[in-house]
Amino acid sequence: MRRVLLGLVLWAATSLTASADPYRWCAEYGGFRGGGGTNCYFVTIQQCRAAVSGVGGFCRPNPFYSGPDRTVGKSRRGRD
């Protein structure tokens, strides 16, 4: 019984960490007043901007993003 319980706990912990939302950006269509659609399936801001280009809308960060933080660090090269 203990092995089954331990197995269930380990399975649950693995399932929760494996279901990270990899999509960082959302496209909001239809302007700022609402009424349009939302698409939160963009990994990069460039993908999102390409999707709203020409049809109207804007990009915003996905409030449900749970992936790794990809902050850009400083360059290691010094300036001459």
PDB file of N, CA and C in Angstrom:
ATOM      1  N   MET A   1       0.816  -1.187   0.000  1.00  0.00           N
ATOM      2  CA  MET A   1       0.000   0.000   0.000  1.00  0.00           C
ATOM      3  C   MET A   1       0.866   1.260   0.000  1.00  0.00           C
ATOM      4  N   ARG A   2       1.963   1.232   0.744  1.00  0.00           N
ATOM      5  CA  ARG A   2       2.842   2.391   0.798  1.00  0.00           C
ATOM      6  C   ARG A   2       3.498   2.643  -0.557  1.00  0.00           C
ATOM      7  N   ARG A   3       3.844   1.581  -1.258  1.00  0.00           N
ATOM      8  CA  ARG A   3       4.472   1.738  -2.575  1.00  0.00           C
ATOM      9  C   ARG A   3       3.493   2.351  -3.566  1.00  0.00           C
ATOM     10  N   VAL A   4       2.247   1.941  -3.487  1.00  0.00           N
ATOM     11  CA  VAL A   4       1.232   2.505  -4.384  1.00  0.00           C
ATOM     12  C   VAL A   4       1.043   3.990  -4.092  1.00  0.00           C
ATOM     13  N   LEU A   5       0.958   4.342  -2.817  1.00  0.00           N
ATOM     14  CA  LEU A   5       0.792   5.732  -2.428  1.00  0.00           C
ATOM     15  C   LEU A   5       2.004   6.559  -2.851  1.00  0.00           C
ATOM     16  N   LEU A   6       3.196   6.044  -2.627  1.00  0.00           N
ATOM     17  CA  LEU A   6       4.410   6.742  -3.035  1.00  0.00           C
ATOM     18  C   LEU A   6       4.450   6.906  -4.548  1.00  0.00           C
ATOM     19  N   GLY A   7       4.052   5.874  -5.270  1.00  0.00           N
ATOM     20  CA  GLY A   7       4.006   5.954  -6.730  1.00  0.00           C
ATOM     21  C   GLY A   7       3.034   7.018  -7.215  1.00  0.00           C
ATOM     22  N   LEU A   8       1.878   7.102  -6.587  1.00  0.00           N
ATOM     23  CA  LEU A   8       0.900   8.126  -6.956  1.00  0.00           C
ATOM     24  C   LEU A   8       1.410   9.529  -6.673  1.00  0.00           C
ATOM     25  N   VAL A   9       2.079   9.721  -5.556  1.00  0.00           N
ATOM     26  CA  VAL A   9       2.628  11.023  -5.215  1.00  0.00           C
ATOM     27  C   VAL A   9       3.713  11.423  -6.221  1.00  0.00           C
ATOM     28  N   LEU A  10       4.593  10.494  -6.557  1.00  0.00           N
ATOM     29  CA  LEU A  10       5.642  10.798  -7.532  1.00  0.00           C
ATOM     30  C   LEU A  10       5.058  11.081  -8.914  1.00  0.00           C
ATOM     31  N   TRP A  11       4.053  10.334  -9.306  1.00  0.00           N
ATOM     32  CA  TRP A  11       3.405  10.563 -10.596  1.00  0.00           C
ATOM     33  C   TRP A  11       2.742  11.938 -10.638  1.00  0.00           C
ATOM     34  N   ALA A  12       2.075  12.329  -9.554  1.00  0.00           N
ATOM     35  CA  ALA A  12       1.411  13.624  -9.493  1.00  0.00           C
ATOM     36  C   ALA A  12       2.428  14.768  -9.554  1.00  0.00           C
ATOM     37  N   ALA A  13       3.533  14.621  -8.839  1.00  0.00           N
ATOM     38  CA  ALA A  13       4.565  15.655  -8.853  1.00  0.00           C
ATOM     39  C   ALA A  13       5.185  15.798 -10.246  1.00  0.00           C
ATOM     40  N   THR A  14       5.410  14.696 -10.917  1.00  0.00           N
ATOM     41  CA  THR A  14       5.971  14.727 -12.263  1.00  0.00           C
ATOM     42  C   THR A  14       4.982  15.340 -13.242  1.00  0.00           C
ATOM     43  N   SER A  15       3.725  15.018 -13.105  1.00  0.00           N
ATOM     44  CA  SER A  15       2.700  15.554 -13.998  1.00  0.00           C
ATOM     45  C   SER A  15       2.562  17.061 -13.851  1.00  0.00           C
ATOM     46  N   LEU A  16       2.642  17.556 -12.642  1.00  0.00           N
ATOM     47  CA  LEU A  16       2.508  18.993 -12.428  1.00  0.00           C
ATOM     48  C   LEU A  16       3.686  19.766 -12.997  1.00  0.00           C
ATOM     49  N   THR A  17       4.885  19.232 -12.890  1.00  0.00           N
ATOM     50  CA  THR A  17       6.050  19.956 -13.402  1.00  0.00           C
ATOM     51  C   THR A  17       6.208  19.793 -14.907  1.00  0.00           C
ATOM     52  N   ALA A  18       5.640  18.756 -15.491  1.00  0.00           N
ATOM     53  CA  ALA A  18       5.784  18.522 -16.923  1.00  0.00           C
ATOM     54  C   ALA A  18       4.773  19.306 -17.742  1.00  0.00           C
ATOM     55  N   SER A  19       3.789  19.909 -17.129  1.00  0.00           N
ATOM     56  CA  SER A  19       2.757  20.603 -17.875  1.00  0.00           C
ATOM     57  C   SER A  19       2.973  22.108 -17.908  1.00  0.00           C
ATOM     58  N   ALA A  20       4.195  22.550 -18.066  1.00  0.00           N
ATOM     59  CA  ALA A  20       4.490  23.972 -18.137  1.00  0.00           C
ATOM     60  C   ALA A  20       3.965  24.542 -19.453  1.00  0.00           C
ATOM     61  N   ASP A  21       3.457  25.755 -19.397  1.00  0.00           N
ATOM     62  CA  ASP A  21       2.945  26.430 -20.580  1.00  0.00           C
ATOM     63  C   ASP A  21       4.120  27.105 -21.294  1.00  0.00           C
ATOM     64  N   PRO A  22       4.512  26.618 -22.474  1.00  0.00           N
ATOM     65  CA  PRO A  22       5.694  27.158 -23.151  1.00  0.00           C
ATOM     66  C   PRO A  22       5.418  28.415 -23.965  1.00  0.00           C
ATOM     67  N   TYR A  23       4.175  28.874 -24.034  1.00  0.00           N
ATOM     68  CA  TYR A  23       3.822  29.994 -24.903  1.00  0.00           C
ATOM     69  C   TYR A  23       3.836  31.295 -24.116  1.00  0.00           C
ATOM     70  N   ARG A  24       4.818  32.136 -24.398  1.00  0.00           N
ATOM     71  CA  ARG A  24       5.058  33.350 -23.634  1.00  0.00           C
ATOM     72  C   ARG A  24       4.184  34.522 -24.071  1.00  0.00           C
ATOM     73  N   TRP A  25       3.704  34.535 -25.323  1.00  0.00           N
ATOM     74  CA  TRP A  25       3.026  35.714 -25.870  1.00  0.00           C
ATOM     75  C   TRP A  25       1.606  35.417 -26.336  1.00  0.00           C
ATOM     76  N   CYS A  26       0.732  36.411 -26.168  1.00  0.00           N
ATOM     77  CA  CYS A  26      -0.653  36.337 -26.638  1.00  0.00           C
ATOM     78  C   CYS A  26      -0.902  37.449 -27.645  1.00  0.00           C
ATOM     79  N   ALA A  27      -1.666  37.145 -28.672  1.00  0.00           N
ATOM     80  CA  ALA A  27      -2.113  38.145 -29.636  1.00  0.00           C
ATOM     81  C   ALA A  27      -3.556  38.498 -29.311  1.00  0.00           C
ATOM     82  N   GLU A  28      -3.813  39.784 -29.169  1.00  0.00           N
ATOM     83  CA  GLU A  28      -5.171  40.287 -28.929  1.00  0.00           C
ATOM     84  C   GLU A  28      -5.633  40.937 -30.223  1.00  0.00           C
ATOM     85  N   TYR A  29      -6.670  40.392 -30.830  1.00  0.00           N
ATOM     86  CA  TYR A  29      -7.200  40.921 -32.078  1.00  0.00           C
ATOM     87  C   TYR A  29      -8.414  41.794 -31.785  1.00  0.00           C
ATOM     88  N   GLY A  30      -8.604  42.807 -32.589  1.00  0.00           N
ATOM     89  CA  GLY A  30      -9.808  43.618 -32.470  1.00  0.00           C
ATOM     90  C   GLY A  30      -9.634  44.886 -31.669  1.00  0.00           C
ATOM     91  N   GLY A  31      -8.441  45.285 -31.358  1.00  0.00           N
ATOM     92  CA  GLY A  31      -8.220  46.553 -30.681  1.00  0.00           C
ATOM     93  C   GLY A  31      -8.259  46.452 -29.173  1.00  0.00           C
ATOM     94  N   PHE A  32      -8.221  47.629 -28.542  1.00  0.00           N
ATOM     95  CA  PHE A  32      -8.108  47.711 -27.087  1.00  0.00           C
ATOM     96  C   PHE A  32      -9.453  47.621 -26.369  1.00  0.00           C
ATOM     97  N   ARG A  33     -10.573  47.779 -27.068  1.00  0.00           N
ATOM     98  CA  ARG A  33     -11.878  47.779 -26.420  1.00  0.00           C
ATOM     99  C   ARG A  33     -12.476  46.394 -26.242  1.00  0.00           C
ATOM    100  N   GLY A  34     -11.799  45.390 -26.684  1.00  0.00           N
ATOM    101  CA  GLY A  34     -12.324  44.038 -26.534  1.00  0.00           C
ATOM    102  C   GLY A  34     -13.205  43.651 -27.708  1.00  0.00           C
ATOM    103  N   GLY A  35     -13.827  42.531 -27.614  1.00  0.00           N
ATOM    104  CA  GLY A  35     -14.698  42.065 -28.665  1.00  0.00           C
ATOM    105  C   GLY A  35     -13.976  41.228 -29.708  1.00  0.00           C
ATOM    106  N   GLY A  36     -12.677  41.212 -29.680  1.00  0.00           N
ATOM    107  CA  GLY A  36     -11.900  40.422 -30.628  1.00  0.00           C
ATOM    108  C   GLY A  36     -11.463  39.106 -30.022  1.00  0.00           C
ATOM    109  N   GLY A  37     -10.655  38.401 -30.762  1.00  0.00           N
ATOM    110  CA  GLY A  37     -10.176  37.109 -30.294  1.00  0.00           C
ATOM    111  C   GLY A  37      -8.819  37.210 -29.615  1.00  0.00           C
ATOM    112  N   THR A  38      -8.453  36.145 -28.951  1.00  0.00           N
ATOM    113  CA  THR A  38      -7.158  36.037 -28.286  1.00  0.00           C
ATOM    114  C   THR A  38      -6.510  34.732 -28.701  1.00  0.00           C
ATOM    115  N   ASN A  39      -5.216  34.798 -28.992  1.00  0.00           N
ATOM    116  CA  ASN A  39      -4.448  33.607 -29.362  1.00  0.00           C
ATOM    117  C   ASN A  39      -3.171  33.613 -28.540  1.00  0.00           C
ATOM    118  N   CYS A  40      -3.035  32.687 -27.623  1.00  0.00           N
ATOM    119  CA  CYS A  40      -1.866  32.628 -26.737  1.00  0.00           C
ATOM    120  C   CYS A  40      -0.947  31.459 -27.091  1.00  0.00           C
ATOM    121  N   TYR A  41      -0.647  31.300 -28.374  1.00  0.00           N
ATOM    122  CA  TYR A  41       0.195  30.190 -28.811  1.00  0.00           C
ATOM    123  C   TYR A  41       1.423  30.686 -29.552  1.00  0.00           C
ATOM    124  N   PHE A  42       2.136  31.652 -28.975  1.00  0.00           N
ATOM    125  CA  PHE A  42       3.338  32.188 -29.591  1.00  0.00           C
ATOM    126  C   PHE A  42       4.509  32.068 -28.618  1.00  0.00           C
ATOM    127  N   VAL A  43       5.586  31.482 -29.100  1.00  0.00           N
ATOM    128  CA  VAL A  43       6.778  31.306 -28.272  1.00  0.00           C
ATOM    129  C   VAL A  43       7.594  32.592 -28.249  1.00  0.00           C
ATOM    130  N   THR A  44       7.661  33.308 -29.387  1.00  0.00           N
ATOM    131  CA  THR A  44       8.453  34.532 -29.463  1.00  0.00           C
ATOM    132  C   THR A  44       7.562  35.726 -29.777  1.00  0.00           C
ATOM    133  N   ILE A  45       8.043  36.910 -29.425  1.00  0.00           N
ATOM    134  CA  ILE A  45       7.325  38.138 -29.727  1.00  0.00           C
ATOM    135  C   ILE A  45       7.255  38.365 -31.233  1.00  0.00           C
ATOM    136  N   GLN A  46       8.278  37.917 -31.970  1.00  0.00           N
ATOM    137  CA  GLN A  46       8.284  38.074 -33.418  1.00  0.00           C
ATOM    138  C   GLN A  46       7.149  37.276 -34.063  1.00  0.00           C
ATOM    139  N   GLN A  47       6.885  36.073 -33.577  1.00  0.00           N
ATOM    140  CA  GLN A  47       5.772  35.272 -34.089  1.00  0.00           C
ATOM    141  C   GLN A  47       4.444  35.981 -33.842  1.00  0.00           C
ATOM    142  N   CYS A  48       4.281  36.533 -32.672  1.00  0.00           N
ATOM    143  CA  CYS A  48       3.059  37.232 -32.318  1.00  0.00           C
ATOM    144  C   CYS A  48       2.873  38.470 -33.183  1.00  0.00           C
ATOM    145  N   ARG A  49       3.927  39.263 -33.337  1.00  0.00           N
ATOM    146  CA  ARG A  49       3.832  40.480 -34.156  1.00  0.00           C
ATOM    147  C   ARG A  49       3.524  40.157 -35.611  1.00  0.00           C
ATOM    148  N   ALA A  50       4.068  39.067 -36.119  1.00  0.00           N
ATOM    149  CA  ALA A  50       3.773  38.666 -37.494  1.00  0.00           C
ATOM    150  C   ALA A  50       2.303  38.278 -37.633  1.00  0.00           C
ATOM    151  N   ALA A  51       1.731  37.675 -36.611  1.00  0.00           N
ATOM    152  CA  ALA A  51       0.337  37.245 -36.671  1.00  0.00           C
ATOM    153  C   ALA A  51      -0.628  38.430 -36.666  1.00  0.00           C
ATOM    154  N   VAL A  52      -0.328  39.494 -35.935  1.00  0.00           N
ATOM    155  CA  VAL A  52      -1.224  40.648 -35.870  1.00  0.00           C
ATOM    156  C   VAL A  52      -0.923  41.673 -36.956  1.00  0.00           C
ATOM    157  N   SER A  53       0.173  41.517 -37.648  1.00  0.00           N
ATOM    158  CA  SER A  53       0.554  42.464 -38.691  1.00  0.00           C
ATOM    159  C   SER A  53      -0.474  42.465 -39.818  1.00  0.00           C
ATOM    160  N   GLY A  54      -1.021  43.627 -40.083  1.00  0.00           N
ATOM    161  CA  GLY A  54      -1.973  43.765 -41.179  1.00  0.00           C
ATOM    162  C   GLY A  54      -3.417  43.481 -40.824  1.00  0.00           C
ATOM    163  N   VAL A  55      -3.696  42.837 -39.706  1.00  0.00           N
ATOM    164  CA  VAL A  55      -5.074  42.536 -39.329  1.00  0.00           C
ATOM    165  C   VAL A  55      -5.525  43.335 -38.108  1.00  0.00           C
ATOM    166  N   GLY A  56      -4.599  44.003 -37.478  1.00  0.00           N
ATOM    167  CA  GLY A  56      -4.930  44.795 -36.306  1.00  0.00           C
ATOM    168  C   GLY A  56      -4.842  43.981 -35.036  1.00  0.00           C
ATOM    169  N   GLY A  57      -4.460  44.641 -34.003  1.00  0.00           N
ATOM    170  CA  GLY A  57      -4.324  43.977 -32.713  1.00  0.00           C
ATOM    171  C   GLY A  57      -2.989  44.303 -32.087  1.00  0.00           C
ATOM    172  N   PHE A  58      -2.668  43.640 -31.006  1.00  0.00           N
ATOM    173  CA  PHE A  58      -1.417  43.875 -30.298  1.00  0.00           C
ATOM    174  C   PHE A  58      -0.998  42.605 -29.576  1.00  0.00           C
ATOM    175  N   CYS A  59       0.238  42.582 -29.125  1.00  0.00           N
ATOM    176  CA  CYS A  59       0.792  41.437 -28.393  1.00  0.00           C
ATOM    177  C   CYS A  59       0.951  41.804 -26.928  1.00  0.00           C
ATOM    178  N   ARG A  60       0.718  40.826 -26.083  1.00  0.00           N
ATOM    179  CA  ARG A  60       0.897  41.018 -24.642  1.00  0.00           C
ATOM    180  C   ARG A  60       1.480  39.740 -24.053  1.00  0.00           C
ATOM    181  N   PRO A  61       2.138  39.844 -22.905  1.00  0.00           N
ATOM    182  CA  PRO A  61       2.644  38.625 -22.265  1.00  0.00           C
ATOM    183  C   PRO A  61       1.495  37.715 -21.836  1.00  0.00           C
ATOM    184  N   ASN A  62       1.717  36.422 -21.947  1.00  0.00           N
ATOM    185  CA  ASN A  62       0.727  35.427 -21.541  1.00  0.00           C
ATOM    186  C   ASN A  62       0.682  35.371 -20.016  1.00  0.00           C
ATOM    187  N   PRO A  63      -0.461  35.655 -19.390  1.00  0.00           N
ATOM    188  CA  PRO A  63      -0.524  35.630 -17.927  1.00  0.00           C
ATOM    189  C   PRO A  63      -0.403  34.225 -17.340  1.00  0.00           C
ATOM    190  N   PHE A  64      -0.549  33.195 -18.183  1.00  0.00           N
ATOM    191  CA  PHE A  64      -0.468  31.821 -17.702  1.00  0.00           C
ATOM    192  C   PHE A  64       0.857  31.159 -18.054  1.00  0.00           C
ATOM    193  N   TYR A  65       1.816  31.938 -18.561  1.00  0.00           N
ATOM    194  CA  TYR A  65       3.121  31.374 -18.925  1.00  0.00           C
ATOM    195  C   TYR A  65       3.804  30.839 -17.681  1.00  0.00           C
ATOM    196  N   SER A  66       4.258  29.600 -17.781  1.00  0.00           N
ATOM    197  CA  SER A  66       4.910  28.979 -16.629  1.00  0.00           C
ATOM    198  C   SER A  66       6.219  28.306 -17.020  1.00  0.00           C
ATOM    199  N   GLY A  67       6.755  28.686 -18.152  1.00  0.00           N
ATOM    200  CA  GLY A  67       8.012  28.112 -18.625  1.00  0.00           C
ATOM    201  C   GLY A  67       9.206  28.770 -17.960  1.00  0.00           C
ATOM    202  N   PRO A  68      10.394  28.453 -18.446  1.00  0.00           N
ATOM    203  CA  PRO A  68      11.602  29.021 -17.843  1.00  0.00           C
ATOM    204  C   PRO A  68      11.724  30.508 -18.128  1.00  0.00           C
ATOM    205  N   ASP A  69      12.347  31.223 -17.212  1.00  0.00           N
ATOM    206  CA  ASP A  69      12.591  32.640 -17.393  1.00  0.00           C
ATOM    207  C   ASP A  69      13.799  32.798 -18.301  1.00  0.00           C
ATOM    208  N   ARG A  70      13.612  33.406 -19.448  1.00  0.00           N
ATOM    209  CA  ARG A  70      14.705  33.570 -20.417  1.00  0.00           C
ATOM    210  C   ARG A  70      15.147  35.015 -20.484  1.00  0.00           C
ATOM    211  N   THR A  71      15.652  35.534 -19.403  1.00  0.00           N
ATOM    212  CA  THR A  71      16.135  36.902 -19.420  1.00  0.00           C
ATOM    213  C   THR A  71      17.477  36.943 -20.130  1.00  0.00           C
ATOM    214  N   VAL A  72      17.702  38.003 -20.857  1.00  0.00           N
ATOM    215  CA  VAL A  72      18.937  38.156 -21.617  1.00  0.00           C
ATOM    216  C   VAL A  72      19.982  38.771 -20.707  1.00  0.00           C
ATOM    217  N   GLY A  73      21.094  38.073 -20.569  1.00  0.00           N
ATOM    218  CA  GLY A  73      22.168  38.577 -19.729  1.00  0.00           C
ATOM    219  C   GLY A  73      23.058  39.542 -20.482  1.00  0.00           C
ATOM    220  N   LYS A  74      23.945  40.186 -19.749  1.00  0.00           N
ATOM    221  CA  LYS A  74      24.871  41.122 -20.372  1.00  0.00           C
ATOM    222  C   LYS A  74      25.908  40.360 -21.185  1.00  0.00           C
ATOM    223  N   SER A  75      26.392  41.012 -22.183  1.00  0.00           N
ATOM    224  CA  SER A  75      27.411  40.415 -23.033  1.00  0.00           C
ATOM    225  C   SER A  75      28.714  40.336 -22.244  1.00  0.00           C
ATOM    226  N   ARG A  76      29.469  39.286 -22.487  1.00  0.00           N
ATOM    227  CA  ARG A  76      30.759  39.126 -21.796  1.00  0.00           C
ATOM    228  C   ARG A  76      31.875  39.884 -22.470  1.00  0.00           C
ATOM    229  N   ARG A  77      31.618  40.323 -23.710  1.00  0.00           N
ATOM    230  CA  ARG A  77      32.654  41.098 -24.394  1.00  0.00           C
ATOM    231  C   ARG A  77      32.648  42.515 -23.902  1.00  0.00           C
ATOM    232  N   GLY A  78      33.800  43.037 -23.672  1.00  0.00           N
ATOM    233  CA  GLY A  78      33.919  44.428 -23.265  1.00  0.00           C
ATOM    234  C   GLY A  78      33.915  45.345 -24.473  1.00  0.00           C
ATOM    235  N   ARG A  79      33.565  46.592 -24.257  1.00  0.00           N
ATOM    236  CA  ARG A  79      33.580  47.556 -25.348  1.00  0.00           C
ATOM    237  C   ARG A  79      34.953  48.158 -25.467  1.00  0.00           C
ATOM    238  N   ASP A  80      35.352  48.364 -26.715  1.00  0.00           N
ATOM    239  CA  ASP A  80      36.691  48.943 -26.952  1.00  0.00           C
ATOM    240  C   ASP A  80      36.639  50.445 -26.998  1.00  0.00           C
TER     241      ASP A  80
END
